[in-house]
Amino acid sequence: MKKVIVTLISVFISFSSYGETIFCSGMLDEYPQLLTFKRVGNGFQYIGNTTYDVDYVFETKDYLVLQNYYDDGMDTHRIFKEYPRKFHYVYIAPDGLIEIKGDCKFID
């Protein structure tokens, strides 16, 4: 009986977190930016003009950190999960830094 309960709890937790989509919007100079992430298993995918798996994910009850590594730089998305749901995006490359701040909406 204990094994059945533990299995049911595990299945419930995995289904409750599967399929979560996060929409974040902000401004880069005068240009609106929309960043979309979808939870896939234990990781996340970026969904935009292209779709790719996020390289690094760190999550607590308060925030989520998503990072991608490129040949010439890296980007970091810090998404706050509690109200107000804000995000902070930073892209660091040898030729400079890009920073976007904005709001997020979580869809289950």
Protein backbone atom coordinates (compact mmCIF):
# COMPACT_ATOMS: atom_id res chain seq x y z
CA MET A 1 0.00 0.00 0.00
CA LYS A 2 2.85 2.41 0.84
CA LYS A 3 4.48 1.77 -2.55
CA VAL A 4 1.22 2.56 -4.34
CA ILE A 5 0.81 5.84 -2.44
CA VAL A 6 4.42 6.89 -3.11
CA THR A 7 3.99 6.04 -6.80
CA LEU A 8 0.76 8.02 -7.04
CA ILE A 9 2.34 11.04 -5.34
CA SER A 10 5.33 10.87 -7.71
CA VAL A 11 3.07 10.69 -10.76
CA PHE A 12 0.96 13.61 -9.50
CA ILE A 13 4.03 15.79 -8.92
CA SER A 14 5.50 15.02 -12.34
CA PHE A 15 2.19 15.69 -14.15
CA SER A 16 1.58 18.91 -12.23
CA SER A 17 4.91 20.36 -13.36
CA TYR A 18 4.88 18.94 -16.90
CA GLY A 19 3.74 21.26 -19.64
CA GLU A 20 4.20 24.54 -17.78
CA THR A 21 4.78 27.44 -20.18
CA ILE A 22 6.31 30.78 -19.17
CA PHE A 23 5.84 33.95 -21.22
CA CYS A 24 8.14 36.87 -20.35
CA SER A 25 7.97 40.29 -21.99
CA GLY A 26 10.14 43.37 -21.75
CA MET A 27 11.72 46.11 -23.83
CA LEU A 28 15.14 46.25 -25.51
CA ASP A 29 15.52 49.96 -26.23
CA GLU A 30 12.22 50.74 -27.99
CA TYR A 31 11.72 47.17 -29.26
CA PRO A 32 9.32 44.80 -27.45
CA GLN A 33 10.75 41.38 -26.61
CA LEU A 34 8.81 38.16 -25.93
CA LEU A 35 10.61 35.16 -24.44
CA THR A 36 8.76 31.84 -24.18
CA PHE A 37 9.89 28.77 -22.23
CA LYS A 38 8.19 25.39 -21.90
CA ARG A 39 8.92 22.83 -19.21
CA VAL A 40 9.80 19.47 -20.72
CA GLY A 41 10.45 16.78 -18.12
CA ASN A 42 13.12 18.13 -15.77
CA GLY A 43 14.31 20.79 -18.20
CA PHE A 44 13.06 23.69 -20.31
CA GLN A 45 12.92 24.55 -23.98
CA TYR A 46 13.14 28.02 -25.46
CA ILE A 47 10.39 28.52 -28.04
CA GLY A 48 10.82 31.31 -30.58
CA ASN A 49 11.97 31.45 -34.22
CA THR A 50 13.79 28.26 -33.30
CA THR A 51 13.20 25.79 -30.48
CA TYR A 52 16.09 24.48 -28.40
CA ASP A 53 16.77 22.91 -25.02
CA VAL A 54 18.04 25.25 -22.32
CA ASP A 55 21.60 24.28 -21.32
CA TYR A 56 21.35 24.82 -17.55
CA VAL A 57 18.37 24.97 -15.18
CA PHE A 58 18.41 25.84 -11.48
CA GLU A 59 15.10 26.09 -9.63
CA THR A 60 13.96 26.95 -6.13
CA LYS A 61 10.49 27.68 -4.80
CA ASP A 62 11.12 31.41 -5.35
CA TYR A 63 12.90 31.64 -8.69
CA LEU A 64 14.11 29.87 -11.80
CA VAL A 65 17.47 30.38 -13.52
CA LEU A 66 17.88 29.35 -17.16
CA GLN A 67 21.27 29.66 -18.89
CA ASN A 68 22.51 29.07 -22.42
CA TYR A 69 26.13 28.90 -23.51
CA TYR A 70 27.34 29.98 -26.95
CA ASP A 71 30.74 30.12 -28.67
CA ASP A 72 30.94 33.87 -28.10
CA GLY A 73 28.96 34.39 -24.88
CA MET A 74 26.21 33.28 -22.56
CA ASP A 75 22.75 34.36 -21.50
CA THR A 76 20.99 34.09 -18.16
CA HIS A 77 17.27 34.37 -17.45
CA ARG A 78 16.27 34.80 -13.81
CA ILE A 79 12.53 34.39 -13.42
CA PHE A 80 10.80 35.14 -10.13
CA LYS A 81 7.98 32.67 -9.53
CA GLU A 82 6.14 34.55 -6.78
CA TYR A 83 4.03 37.66 -7.30
CA PRO A 84 5.02 40.00 -8.84
CA ARG A 85 6.37 37.62 -11.47
CA LYS A 86 9.32 39.49 -12.95
CA PHE A 87 12.31 38.43 -14.99
CA HIS A 88 15.84 39.67 -15.58
CA TYR A 89 17.69 38.68 -18.76
CA VAL A 90 21.40 39.29 -19.36
CA TYR A 91 23.44 38.36 -22.43
CA ILE A 92 27.21 38.65 -21.99
CA ALA A 93 29.56 38.60 -24.99
CA PRO A 94 33.05 39.93 -25.71
CA ASP A 95 31.58 42.94 -27.53
CA GLY A 96 29.16 43.97 -24.80
CA LEU A 97 26.18 43.25 -22.62
CA ILE A 98 22.42 43.20 -23.29
CA GLU A 99 19.97 43.49 -20.40
CA ILE A 100 16.17 43.18 -20.39
CA LYS A 101 13.79 43.37 -17.43
CA GLY A 102 10.08 42.69 -17.55
CA ASP A 103 7.08 40.65 -16.43
CA CYS A 104 6.22 36.96 -16.74
CA LYS A 105 3.04 34.94 -16.95
CA PHE A 106 2.90 31.25 -16.07
CA ILE A 107 0.46 28.96 -17.91
CA ASP A 108 -0.05 25.39 -16.69
